[in-house]
Structure formats: structure tokens, C-alpha cells
mmCIF file of all heavy atoms, coordinates in Angstrom:
data_MODEL
# 
_entry.id   MODEL 
# 
loop_
_atom_site.group_PDB 
_atom_site.id 
_atom_site.type_symbol 
_atom_site.label_atom_id 
_atom_site.label_alt_id 
_atom_site.label_comp_id 
_atom_site.label_asym_id 
_atom_site.label_entity_id 
_atom_site.label_seq_id 
_atom_site.pdbx_PDB_ins_code 
_atom_site.Cartn_x 
_atom_site.Cartn_y 
_atom_site.Cartn_z 
_atom_site.occupancy 
_atom_site.B_iso_or_equiv 
_atom_site.pdbx_formal_charge 
_atom_site.auth_seq_id 
_atom_site.auth_comp_id 
_atom_site.auth_asym_id 
_atom_site.auth_atom_id 
_atom_site.pdbx_PDB_model_num 
ATOM 1   N N   . ASN A 1 1  ? 5.362   -14.247 22.201 1.00 0.00 ? 1  ASN A N   1 
ATOM 2   C CA  . ASN A 1 1  ? 4.916   -15.529 21.812 1.00 0.00 ? 1  ASN A CA  1 
ATOM 3   C C   . ASN A 1 1  ? 3.360   -15.779 22.191 1.00 0.00 ? 1  ASN A C   1 
ATOM 4   O O   . ASN A 1 1  ? 2.958   -15.304 23.175 1.00 0.00 ? 1  ASN A O   1 
ATOM 5   C CB  . ASN A 1 1  ? 5.725   -16.636 22.500 1.00 0.00 ? 1  ASN A CB  1 
ATOM 6   C CG  . ASN A 1 1  ? 6.468   -17.406 21.501 1.00 0.00 ? 1  ASN A CG  1 
ATOM 7   O OD1 . ASN A 1 1  ? 6.384   -17.256 20.304 1.00 0.00 ? 1  ASN A OD1 1 
ATOM 8   N ND2 . ASN A 1 1  ? 7.259   -18.423 22.019 1.00 0.00 ? 1  ASN A ND2 1 
ATOM 9   N N   . ASN A 1 2  ? 2.683   -16.428 21.250 1.00 0.00 ? 2  ASN A N   1 
ATOM 10  C CA  . ASN A 1 2  ? 1.272   -16.782 21.460 1.00 0.00 ? 2  ASN A CA  1 
ATOM 11  C C   . ASN A 1 2  ? 0.329   -15.578 21.728 1.00 0.00 ? 2  ASN A C   1 
ATOM 12  O O   . ASN A 1 2  ? -0.602  -15.683 22.399 1.00 0.00 ? 2  ASN A O   1 
ATOM 13  C CB  . ASN A 1 2  ? 1.191   -17.747 22.509 1.00 0.00 ? 2  ASN A CB  1 
ATOM 14  C CG  . ASN A 1 2  ? 1.869   -19.067 22.103 1.00 0.00 ? 2  ASN A CG  1 
ATOM 15  O OD1 . ASN A 1 2  ? 1.666   -19.584 20.978 1.00 0.00 ? 2  ASN A OD1 1 
ATOM 16  N ND2 . ASN A 1 2  ? 2.648   -19.675 23.045 1.00 0.00 ? 2  ASN A ND2 1 
ATOM 17  N N   . ARG A 1 3  ? 0.633   -14.443 21.126 1.00 0.00 ? 3  ARG A N   1 
ATOM 18  C CA  . ARG A 1 3  ? -0.257  -13.264 21.190 1.00 0.00 ? 3  ARG A CA  1 
ATOM 19  C C   . ARG A 1 3  ? -0.907  -13.013 19.794 1.00 0.00 ? 3  ARG A C   1 
ATOM 20  O O   . ARG A 1 3  ? -0.814  -11.886 19.258 1.00 0.00 ? 3  ARG A O   1 
ATOM 21  C CB  . ARG A 1 3  ? 0.610   -12.034 21.598 1.00 0.00 ? 3  ARG A CB  1 
ATOM 22  C CG  . ARG A 1 3  ? 1.248   -12.143 22.930 1.00 0.00 ? 3  ARG A CG  1 
ATOM 23  C CD  . ARG A 1 3  ? 0.270   -12.028 24.149 1.00 0.00 ? 3  ARG A CD  1 
ATOM 24  N NE  . ARG A 1 3  ? 0.964   -11.848 25.389 1.00 0.00 ? 3  ARG A NE  1 
ATOM 25  C CZ  . ARG A 1 3  ? 1.488   -12.737 26.173 1.00 0.00 ? 3  ARG A CZ  1 
ATOM 26  N NH1 . ARG A 1 3  ? 1.394   -14.056 25.823 1.00 0.00 ? 3  ARG A NH1 1 
ATOM 27  N NH2 . ARG A 1 3  ? 1.975   -12.472 27.314 1.00 0.00 ? 3  ARG A NH2 1 
ATOM 28  N N   . GLN A 1 4  ? -1.484  -14.074 19.312 1.00 0.00 ? 4  GLN A N   1 
ATOM 29  C CA  . GLN A 1 4  ? -1.966  -14.025 17.921 1.00 0.00 ? 4  GLN A CA  1 
ATOM 30  C C   . GLN A 1 4  ? -3.105  -12.903 17.699 1.00 0.00 ? 4  GLN A C   1 
ATOM 31  O O   . GLN A 1 4  ? -2.983  -12.178 16.768 1.00 0.00 ? 4  GLN A O   1 
ATOM 32  C CB  . GLN A 1 4  ? -2.557  -15.373 17.481 1.00 0.00 ? 4  GLN A CB  1 
ATOM 33  C CG  . GLN A 1 4  ? -1.609  -16.558 17.555 1.00 0.00 ? 4  GLN A CG  1 
ATOM 34  C CD  . GLN A 1 4  ? -0.244  -16.221 16.844 1.00 0.00 ? 4  GLN A CD  1 
ATOM 35  O OE1 . GLN A 1 4  ? -0.192  -15.537 15.799 1.00 0.00 ? 4  GLN A OE1 1 
ATOM 36  N NE2 . GLN A 1 4  ? 0.783   -16.748 17.385 1.00 0.00 ? 4  GLN A NE2 1 
ATOM 37  N N   . LEU A 1 5  ? -3.956  -12.744 18.667 1.00 0.00 ? 5  LEU A N   1 
ATOM 38  C CA  . LEU A 1 5  ? -4.978  -11.680 18.530 1.00 0.00 ? 5  LEU A CA  1 
ATOM 39  C C   . LEU A 1 5  ? -4.363  -10.323 18.471 1.00 0.00 ? 5  LEU A C   1 
ATOM 40  O O   . LEU A 1 5  ? -4.727  -9.473  17.642 1.00 0.00 ? 5  LEU A O   1 
ATOM 41  C CB  . LEU A 1 5  ? -5.959  -11.776 19.723 1.00 0.00 ? 5  LEU A CB  1 
ATOM 42  C CG  . LEU A 1 5  ? -7.096  -10.734 19.619 1.00 0.00 ? 5  LEU A CG  1 
ATOM 43  C CD1 . LEU A 1 5  ? -7.973  -10.857 18.350 1.00 0.00 ? 5  LEU A CD1 1 
ATOM 44  C CD2 . LEU A 1 5  ? -7.972  -10.811 20.831 1.00 0.00 ? 5  LEU A CD2 1 
ATOM 45  N N   . PHE A 1 6  ? -3.323  -10.060 19.259 1.00 0.00 ? 6  PHE A N   1 
ATOM 46  C CA  . PHE A 1 6  ? -2.616  -8.819  19.258 1.00 0.00 ? 6  PHE A CA  1 
ATOM 47  C C   . PHE A 1 6  ? -2.059  -8.566  17.837 1.00 0.00 ? 6  PHE A C   1 
ATOM 48  O O   . PHE A 1 6  ? -2.185  -7.492  17.267 1.00 0.00 ? 6  PHE A O   1 
ATOM 49  C CB  . PHE A 1 6  ? -1.556  -8.768  20.269 1.00 0.00 ? 6  PHE A CB  1 
ATOM 50  C CG  . PHE A 1 6  ? -0.663  -7.610  20.233 1.00 0.00 ? 6  PHE A CG  1 
ATOM 51  C CD1 . PHE A 1 6  ? -1.023  -6.392  20.657 1.00 0.00 ? 6  PHE A CD1 1 
ATOM 52  C CD2 . PHE A 1 6  ? 0.659   -7.776  19.757 1.00 0.00 ? 6  PHE A CD2 1 
ATOM 53  C CE1 . PHE A 1 6  ? -0.151  -5.267  20.649 1.00 0.00 ? 6  PHE A CE1 1 
ATOM 54  C CE2 . PHE A 1 6  ? 1.499   -6.647  19.653 1.00 0.00 ? 6  PHE A CE2 1 
ATOM 55  C CZ  . PHE A 1 6  ? 1.137   -5.411  20.080 1.00 0.00 ? 6  PHE A CZ  1 
ATOM 56  N N   . PHE A 1 7  ? -1.387  -9.546  17.316 1.00 0.00 ? 7  PHE A N   1 
ATOM 57  C CA  . PHE A 1 7  ? -0.695  -9.360  15.981 1.00 0.00 ? 7  PHE A CA  1 
ATOM 58  C C   . PHE A 1 7  ? -1.757  -9.236  14.845 1.00 0.00 ? 7  PHE A C   1 
ATOM 59  O O   . PHE A 1 7  ? -1.520  -8.515  13.920 1.00 0.00 ? 7  PHE A O   1 
ATOM 60  C CB  . PHE A 1 7  ? 0.164   -10.625 15.677 1.00 0.00 ? 7  PHE A CB  1 
ATOM 61  C CG  . PHE A 1 7  ? 1.394   -10.598 16.571 1.00 0.00 ? 7  PHE A CG  1 
ATOM 62  C CD1 . PHE A 1 7  ? 1.644   -11.702 17.354 1.00 0.00 ? 7  PHE A CD1 1 
ATOM 63  C CD2 . PHE A 1 7  ? 2.234   -9.606  16.654 1.00 0.00 ? 7  PHE A CD2 1 
ATOM 64  C CE1 . PHE A 1 7  ? 2.661   -11.725 18.196 1.00 0.00 ? 7  PHE A CE1 1 
ATOM 65  C CE2 . PHE A 1 7  ? 3.426   -9.600  17.457 1.00 0.00 ? 7  PHE A CE2 1 
ATOM 66  C CZ  . PHE A 1 7  ? 3.582   -10.702 18.228 1.00 0.00 ? 7  PHE A CZ  1 
ATOM 67  N N   . VAL A 1 8  ? -2.924  -9.875  14.948 1.00 0.00 ? 8  VAL A N   1 
ATOM 68  C CA  . VAL A 1 8  ? -3.941  -9.802  13.996 1.00 0.00 ? 8  VAL A CA  1 
ATOM 69  C C   . VAL A 1 8  ? -4.507  -8.329  14.008 1.00 0.00 ? 8  VAL A C   1 
ATOM 70  O O   . VAL A 1 8  ? -4.731  -7.711  12.958 1.00 0.00 ? 8  VAL A O   1 
ATOM 71  C CB  . VAL A 1 8  ? -5.094  -10.777 14.175 1.00 0.00 ? 8  VAL A CB  1 
ATOM 72  C CG1 . VAL A 1 8  ? -6.296  -10.488 13.389 1.00 0.00 ? 8  VAL A CG1 1 
ATOM 73  C CG2 . VAL A 1 8  ? -4.582  -12.226 13.820 1.00 0.00 ? 8  VAL A CG2 1 
ATOM 74  N N   . LEU A 1 9  ? -4.776  -7.800  15.206 1.00 0.00 ? 9  LEU A N   1 
ATOM 75  C CA  . LEU A 1 9  ? -5.173  -6.415  15.383 1.00 0.00 ? 9  LEU A CA  1 
ATOM 76  C C   . LEU A 1 9  ? -4.208  -5.388  14.755 1.00 0.00 ? 9  LEU A C   1 
ATOM 77  O O   . LEU A 1 9  ? -4.564  -4.469  14.076 1.00 0.00 ? 9  LEU A O   1 
ATOM 78  C CB  . LEU A 1 9  ? -5.504  -6.124  16.843 1.00 0.00 ? 9  LEU A CB  1 
ATOM 79  C CG  . LEU A 1 9  ? -6.751  -6.848  17.381 1.00 0.00 ? 9  LEU A CG  1 
ATOM 80  C CD1 . LEU A 1 9  ? -6.947  -6.611  18.887 1.00 0.00 ? 9  LEU A CD1 1 
ATOM 81  C CD2 . LEU A 1 9  ? -8.073  -6.474  16.653 1.00 0.00 ? 9  LEU A CD2 1 
ATOM 82  N N   . ILE A 1 10 ? -2.897  -5.609  15.059 1.00 0.00 ? 10 ILE A N   1 
ATOM 83  C CA  . ILE A 1 10 ? -1.873  -4.777  14.550 1.00 0.00 ? 10 ILE A CA  1 
ATOM 84  C C   . ILE A 1 10 ? -1.864  -4.776  13.023 1.00 0.00 ? 10 ILE A C   1 
ATOM 85  O O   . ILE A 1 10 ? -1.816  -3.796  12.271 1.00 0.00 ? 10 ILE A O   1 
ATOM 86  C CB  . ILE A 1 10 ? -0.486  -5.146  15.110 1.00 0.00 ? 10 ILE A CB  1 
ATOM 87  C CG1 . ILE A 1 10 ? -0.414  -4.896  16.588 1.00 0.00 ? 10 ILE A CG1 1 
ATOM 88  C CG2 . ILE A 1 10 ? 0.621   -4.389  14.346 1.00 0.00 ? 10 ILE A CG2 1 
ATOM 89  C CD1 . ILE A 1 10 ? -0.543  -3.427  17.000 1.00 0.00 ? 10 ILE A CD1 1 
ATOM 90  N N   . ALA A 1 11 ? -1.933  -6.024  12.489 1.00 0.00 ? 11 ALA A N   1 
ATOM 91  C CA  . ALA A 1 11 ? -1.932  -6.174  11.000 1.00 0.00 ? 11 ALA A CA  1 
ATOM 92  C C   . ALA A 1 11 ? -3.165  -5.474  10.360 1.00 0.00 ? 11 ALA A C   1 
ATOM 93  O O   . ALA A 1 11 ? -3.070  -4.843  9.335  1.00 0.00 ? 11 ALA A O   1 
ATOM 94  C CB  . ALA A 1 11 ? -1.898  -7.676  10.664 1.00 0.00 ? 11 ALA A CB  1 
ATOM 95  N N   . LEU A 1 12 ? -4.300  -5.612  11.000 1.00 0.00 ? 12 LEU A N   1 
ATOM 96  C CA  . LEU A 1 12 ? -5.550  -4.910  10.505 1.00 0.00 ? 12 LEU A CA  1 
ATOM 97  C C   . LEU A 1 12 ? -5.349  -3.363  10.546 1.00 0.00 ? 12 LEU A C   1 
ATOM 98  O O   . LEU A 1 12 ? -5.699  -2.626  9.638  1.00 0.00 ? 12 LEU A O   1 
ATOM 99  C CB  . LEU A 1 12 ? -6.699  -5.326  11.296 1.00 0.00 ? 12 LEU A CB  1 
ATOM 100 C CG  . LEU A 1 12 ? -7.323  -6.742  11.028 1.00 0.00 ? 12 LEU A CG  1 
ATOM 101 C CD1 . LEU A 1 12 ? -8.402  -7.096  11.983 1.00 0.00 ? 12 LEU A CD1 1 
ATOM 102 C CD2 . LEU A 1 12 ? -7.737  -6.807  9.605  1.00 0.00 ? 12 LEU A CD2 1 
ATOM 103 N N   . CYS A 1 13 ? -4.739  -2.852  11.608 1.00 0.00 ? 13 CYS A N   1 
ATOM 104 C CA  . CYS A 1 13 ? -4.547  -1.403  11.744 1.00 0.00 ? 13 CYS A CA  1 
ATOM 105 C C   . CYS A 1 13 ? -3.544  -0.856  10.719 1.00 0.00 ? 13 CYS A C   1 
ATOM 106 O O   . CYS A 1 13 ? -3.812  0.100   10.043 1.00 0.00 ? 13 CYS A O   1 
ATOM 107 C CB  . CYS A 1 13 ? -4.085  -1.045  13.144 1.00 0.00 ? 13 CYS A CB  1 
ATOM 108 S SG  . CYS A 1 13 ? -5.297  -1.233  14.394 1.00 0.00 ? 13 CYS A SG  1 
ATOM 109 N N   . ILE A 1 14 ? -2.512  -1.643  10.577 1.00 0.00 ? 14 ILE A N   1 
ATOM 110 C CA  . ILE A 1 14 ? -1.503  -1.261  9.583  1.00 0.00 ? 14 ILE A CA  1 
ATOM 111 C C   . ILE A 1 14 ? -2.046  -1.310  8.109  1.00 0.00 ? 14 ILE A C   1 
ATOM 112 O O   . ILE A 1 14 ? -1.879  -0.369  7.390  1.00 0.00 ? 14 ILE A O   1 
ATOM 113 C CB  . ILE A 1 14 ? -0.266  -2.150  9.693  1.00 0.00 ? 14 ILE A CB  1 
ATOM 114 C CG1 . ILE A 1 14 ? 0.523   -1.813  10.886 1.00 0.00 ? 14 ILE A CG1 1 
ATOM 115 C CG2 . ILE A 1 14 ? 0.641   -1.919  8.453  1.00 0.00 ? 14 ILE A CG2 1 
ATOM 116 C CD1 . ILE A 1 14 ? 1.631   -2.825  11.283 1.00 0.00 ? 14 ILE A CD1 1 
ATOM 117 N N   . SER A 1 15 ? -2.776  -2.383  7.830  1.00 0.00 ? 15 SER A N   1 
ATOM 118 C CA  . SER A 1 15 ? -3.412  -2.514  6.507  1.00 0.00 ? 15 SER A CA  1 
ATOM 119 C C   . SER A 1 15 ? -4.385  -1.386  6.247  1.00 0.00 ? 15 SER A C   1 
ATOM 120 O O   . SER A 1 15 ? -4.410  -0.828  5.149  1.00 0.00 ? 15 SER A O   1 
ATOM 121 C CB  . SER A 1 15 ? -4.006  -3.873  6.397  1.00 0.00 ? 15 SER A CB  1 
ATOM 122 O OG  . SER A 1 15 ? -3.057  -4.900  6.463  1.00 0.00 ? 15 SER A OG  1 
ATOM 123 N N   . ALA A 1 16 ? -5.210  -1.111  7.264  1.00 0.00 ? 16 ALA A N   1 
ATOM 124 C CA  . ALA A 1 16 ? -6.242  -0.122  7.130  1.00 0.00 ? 16 ALA A CA  1 
ATOM 125 C C   . ALA A 1 16 ? -5.695  1.265   6.870  1.00 0.00 ? 16 ALA A C   1 
ATOM 126 O O   . ALA A 1 16 ? -6.105  1.991   5.990  1.00 0.00 ? 16 ALA A O   1 
ATOM 127 C CB  . ALA A 1 16 ? -7.138  -0.018  8.317  1.00 0.00 ? 16 ALA A CB  1 
ATOM 128 N N   . PHE A 1 17 ? -4.536  1.547   7.528  1.00 0.00 ? 17 PHE A N   1 
ATOM 129 C CA  . PHE A 1 17 ? -3.909  2.901   7.371  1.00 0.00 ? 17 PHE A CA  1 
ATOM 130 C C   . PHE A 1 17 ? -3.240  2.921   5.969  1.00 0.00 ? 17 PHE A C   1 
ATOM 131 O O   . PHE A 1 17 ? -3.388  3.967   5.258  1.00 0.00 ? 17 PHE A O   1 
ATOM 132 C CB  . PHE A 1 17 ? -2.827  3.179   8.434  1.00 0.00 ? 17 PHE A CB  1 
ATOM 133 C CG  . PHE A 1 17 ? -2.109  4.377   8.213  1.00 0.00 ? 17 PHE A CG  1 
ATOM 134 C CD1 . PHE A 1 17 ? -2.738  5.605   8.462  1.00 0.00 ? 17 PHE A CD1 1 
ATOM 135 C CD2 . PHE A 1 17 ? -0.809  4.430   7.776  1.00 0.00 ? 17 PHE A CD2 1 
ATOM 136 C CE1 . PHE A 1 17 ? -2.119  6.839   8.312  1.00 0.00 ? 17 PHE A CE1 1 
ATOM 137 C CE2 . PHE A 1 17 ? -0.153  5.604   7.498  1.00 0.00 ? 17 PHE A CE2 1 
ATOM 138 C CZ  . PHE A 1 17 ? -0.779  6.802   7.834  1.00 0.00 ? 17 PHE A CZ  1 
ATOM 139 N N   . ALA A 1 18 ? -2.618  1.817   5.550  1.00 0.00 ? 18 ALA A N   1 
ATOM 140 C CA  . ALA A 1 18 ? -1.952  1.778   4.213  1.00 0.00 ? 18 ALA A CA  1 
ATOM 141 C C   . ALA A 1 18 ? -3.031  1.883   3.096  1.00 0.00 ? 18 ALA A C   1 
ATOM 142 O O   . ALA A 1 18 ? -2.820  2.544   2.067  1.00 0.00 ? 18 ALA A O   1 
ATOM 143 C CB  . ALA A 1 18 ? -1.129  0.539   4.093  1.00 0.00 ? 18 ALA A CB  1 
ATOM 144 N N   . ILE A 1 19 ? -4.151  1.254   3.250  1.00 0.00 ? 19 ILE A N   1 
ATOM 145 C CA  . ILE A 1 19 ? -5.219  1.355   2.259  1.00 0.00 ? 19 ILE A CA  1 
ATOM 146 C C   . ILE A 1 19 ? -5.790  2.730   2.287  1.00 0.00 ? 19 ILE A C   1 
ATOM 147 O O   . ILE A 1 19 ? -6.039  3.279   1.145  1.00 0.00 ? 19 ILE A O   1 
ATOM 148 C CB  . ILE A 1 19 ? -6.352  0.349   2.642  1.00 0.00 ? 19 ILE A CB  1 
ATOM 149 C CG1 . ILE A 1 19 ? -5.901  -1.057  2.349  1.00 0.00 ? 19 ILE A CG1 1 
ATOM 150 C CG2 . ILE A 1 19 ? -7.659  0.592   1.818  1.00 0.00 ? 19 ILE A CG2 1 
ATOM 151 C CD1 . ILE A 1 19 ? -6.758  -2.159  2.983  1.00 0.00 ? 19 ILE A CD1 1 
ATOM 152 N N   . TYR A 1 20 ? -5.949  3.386   3.421  1.00 0.00 ? 20 TYR A N   1 
ATOM 153 C CA  . TYR A 1 20 ? -6.388  4.756   3.510  1.00 0.00 ? 20 TYR A CA  1 
ATOM 154 C C   . TYR A 1 20 ? -5.453  5.688   2.735  1.00 0.00 ? 20 TYR A C   1 
ATOM 155 O O   . TYR A 1 20 ? -5.905  6.528   1.909  1.00 0.00 ? 20 TYR A O   1 
ATOM 156 C CB  . TYR A 1 20 ? -6.546  5.188   4.952  1.00 0.00 ? 20 TYR A CB  1 
ATOM 157 C CG  . TYR A 1 20 ? -6.877  6.671   5.088  1.00 0.00 ? 20 TYR A CG  1 
ATOM 158 C CD1 . TYR A 1 20 ? -8.200  7.147   4.938  1.00 0.00 ? 20 TYR A CD1 1 
ATOM 159 C CD2 . TYR A 1 20 ? -5.871  7.594   5.427  1.00 0.00 ? 20 TYR A CD2 1 
ATOM 160 C CE1 . TYR A 1 20 ? -8.497  8.434   5.127  1.00 0.00 ? 20 TYR A CE1 1 
ATOM 161 C CE2 . TYR A 1 20 ? -6.222  8.987   5.609  1.00 0.00 ? 20 TYR A CE2 1 
ATOM 162 C CZ  . TYR A 1 20 ? -7.545  9.355   5.504  1.00 0.00 ? 20 TYR A CZ  1 
ATOM 163 O OH  . TYR A 1 20 ? -7.801  10.698  5.637  1.00 0.00 ? 20 TYR A OH  1 
ATOM 164 N N   . VAL A 1 21 ? -4.172  5.517   2.975  1.00 0.00 ? 21 VAL A N   1 
ATOM 165 C CA  . VAL A 1 21 ? -3.146  6.375   2.272  1.00 0.00 ? 21 VAL A CA  1 
ATOM 166 C C   . VAL A 1 21 ? -3.268  6.124   0.785  1.00 0.00 ? 21 VAL A C   1 
ATOM 167 O O   . VAL A 1 21 ? -3.315  7.109   0.003  1.00 0.00 ? 21 VAL A O   1 
ATOM 168 C CB  . VAL A 1 21 ? -1.745  6.150   2.831  1.00 0.00 ? 21 VAL A CB  1 
ATOM 169 C CG1 . VAL A 1 21 ? -0.653  6.882   1.994  1.00 0.00 ? 21 VAL A CG1 1 
ATOM 170 C CG2 . VAL A 1 21 ? -1.619  6.569   4.273  1.00 0.00 ? 21 VAL A CG2 1 
ATOM 171 N N   . TYR A 1 22 ? -3.260  4.848   0.361  1.00 0.00 ? 22 TYR A N   1 
ATOM 172 C CA  . TYR A 1 22 ? -3.267  4.543   -1.076 1.00 0.00 ? 22 TYR A CA  1 
ATOM 173 C C   . TYR A 1 22 ? -4.508  5.175   -1.713 1.00 0.00 ? 22 TYR A C   1 
ATOM 174 O O   . TYR A 1 22 ? -4.401  5.760   -2.733 1.00 0.00 ? 22 TYR A O   1 
ATOM 175 C CB  . TYR A 1 22 ? -3.280  3.008   -1.180 1.00 0.00 ? 22 TYR A CB  1 
ATOM 176 C CG  . TYR A 1 22 ? -3.047  2.566   -2.604 1.00 0.00 ? 22 TYR A CG  1 
ATOM 177 C CD1 . TYR A 1 22 ? -1.791  2.209   -3.026 1.00 0.00 ? 22 TYR A CD1 1 
ATOM 178 C CD2 . TYR A 1 22 ? -4.042  2.710   -3.567 1.00 0.00 ? 22 TYR A CD2 1 
ATOM 179 C CE1 . TYR A 1 22 ? -1.591  1.725   -4.377 1.00 0.00 ? 22 TYR A CE1 1 
ATOM 180 C CE2 . TYR A 1 22 ? -3.839  2.278   -4.967 1.00 0.00 ? 22 TYR A CE2 1 
ATOM 181 C CZ  . TYR A 1 22 ? -2.604  1.857   -5.286 1.00 0.00 ? 22 TYR A CZ  1 
ATOM 182 O OH  . TYR A 1 22 ? -2.313  1.578   -6.536 1.00 0.00 ? 22 TYR A OH  1 
ATOM 183 N N   . ALA A 1 23 ? -5.659  4.978   -1.055 1.00 0.00 ? 23 ALA A N   1 
ATOM 184 C CA  . ALA A 1 23 ? -6.928  5.519   -1.703 1.00 0.00 ? 23 ALA A CA  1 
ATOM 185 C C   . ALA A 1 23 ? -6.907  7.034   -1.820 1.00 0.00 ? 23 ALA A C   1 
ATOM 186 O O   . ALA A 1 23 ? -7.552  7.565   -2.677 1.00 0.00 ? 23 ALA A O   1 
ATOM 187 C CB  . ALA A 1 23 ? -8.101  5.052   -0.897 1.00 0.00 ? 23 ALA A CB  1 
ATOM 188 N N   . ARG A 1 24 ? -6.182  7.701   -0.948 1.00 0.00 ? 24 ARG A N   1 
ATOM 189 C CA  . ARG A 1 24 ? -6.185  9.192   -0.968 1.00 0.00 ? 24 ARG A CA  1 
ATOM 190 C C   . ARG A 1 24 ? -5.097  9.769   -1.703 1.00 0.00 ? 24 ARG A C   1 
ATOM 191 O O   . ARG A 1 24 ? -5.016  11.009  -1.939 1.00 0.00 ? 24 ARG A O   1 
ATOM 192 C CB  . ARG A 1 24 ? -6.240  9.676   0.486  1.00 0.00 ? 24 ARG A CB  1 
ATOM 193 C CG  . ARG A 1 24 ? -7.457  9.266   1.179  1.00 0.00 ? 24 ARG A CG  1 
ATOM 194 C CD  . ARG A 1 24 ? -7.896  10.070  2.319  1.00 0.00 ? 24 ARG A CD  1 
ATOM 195 N NE  . ARG A 1 24 ? -7.764  11.464  2.269  1.00 0.00 ? 24 ARG A NE  1 
ATOM 196 C CZ  . ARG A 1 24 ? -8.855  12.348  2.167  1.00 0.00 ? 24 ARG A CZ  1 
ATOM 197 N NH1 . ARG A 1 24 ? -10.019 11.920  2.108  1.00 0.00 ? 24 ARG A NH1 1 
ATOM 198 N NH2 . ARG A 1 24 ? -8.601  13.626  2.155  1.00 0.00 ? 24 ARG A NH2 1 
ATOM 199 N N   . LEU A 1 25 ? -4.122  8.973   -2.146 1.00 0.00 ? 25 LEU A N   1 
ATOM 200 C CA  . LEU A 1 25 ? -2.956  9.475   -2.962 1.00 0.00 ? 25 LEU A CA  1 
ATOM 201 C C   . LEU A 1 25 ? -3.535  10.148  -4.224 1.00 0.00 ? 25 LEU A C   1 
ATOM 202 O O   . LEU A 1 25 ? -4.311  9.610   -4.928 1.00 0.00 ? 25 LEU A O   1 
ATOM 203 C CB  . LEU A 1 25 ? -2.003  8.390   -3.281 1.00 0.00 ? 25 LEU A CB  1 
ATOM 204 C CG  . LEU A 1 25 ? -1.102  7.851   -2.266 1.00 0.00 ? 25 LEU A CG  1 
ATOM 205 C CD1 . LEU A 1 25 ? -0.358  6.619   -2.641 1.00 0.00 ? 25 LEU A CD1 1 
ATOM 206 C CD2 . LEU A 1 25 ? -0.070  8.941   -1.866 1.00 0.00 ? 25 LEU A CD2 1 
ATOM 207 N N   . PRO A 1 26 ? -3.020  11.346  -4.475 1.00 0.00 ? 26 PRO A N   1 
ATOM 208 C CA  . PRO A 1 26 ? -3.374  12.071  -5.772 1.00 0.00 ? 26 PRO A CA  1 
ATOM 209 C C   . PRO A 1 26 ? -2.932  11.230  -6.974 1.00 0.00 ? 26 PRO A C   1 
ATOM 210 O O   . PRO A 1 26 ? -1.923  10.452  -6.834 1.00 0.00 ? 26 PRO A O   1 
ATOM 211 C CB  . PRO A 1 26 ? -2.614  13.368  -5.709 1.00 0.00 ? 26 PRO A CB  1 
ATOM 212 C CG  . PRO A 1 26 ? -2.278  13.563  -4.287 1.00 0.00 ? 26 PRO A CG  1 
ATOM 213 C CD  . PRO A 1 26 ? -2.121  12.174  -3.670 1.00 0.00 ? 26 PRO A CD  1 
# 
């Protein structure tokens, strides 16, 4: 509870990884 910064950072990391994978997909 109330760890908003932690969750924002996790969301940014997950999104960045998914964007990286998407951009590199053949």
C-alpha cells in the first residue's frame, strides 16, 4: 500500500522491455 513510486518504476521498466521486444520483433 502507498508505494506509488515503486509501482510507477515497475510499470516503466515493464513497458520499456515490452517496447524493446516489440521494436525488435522480425
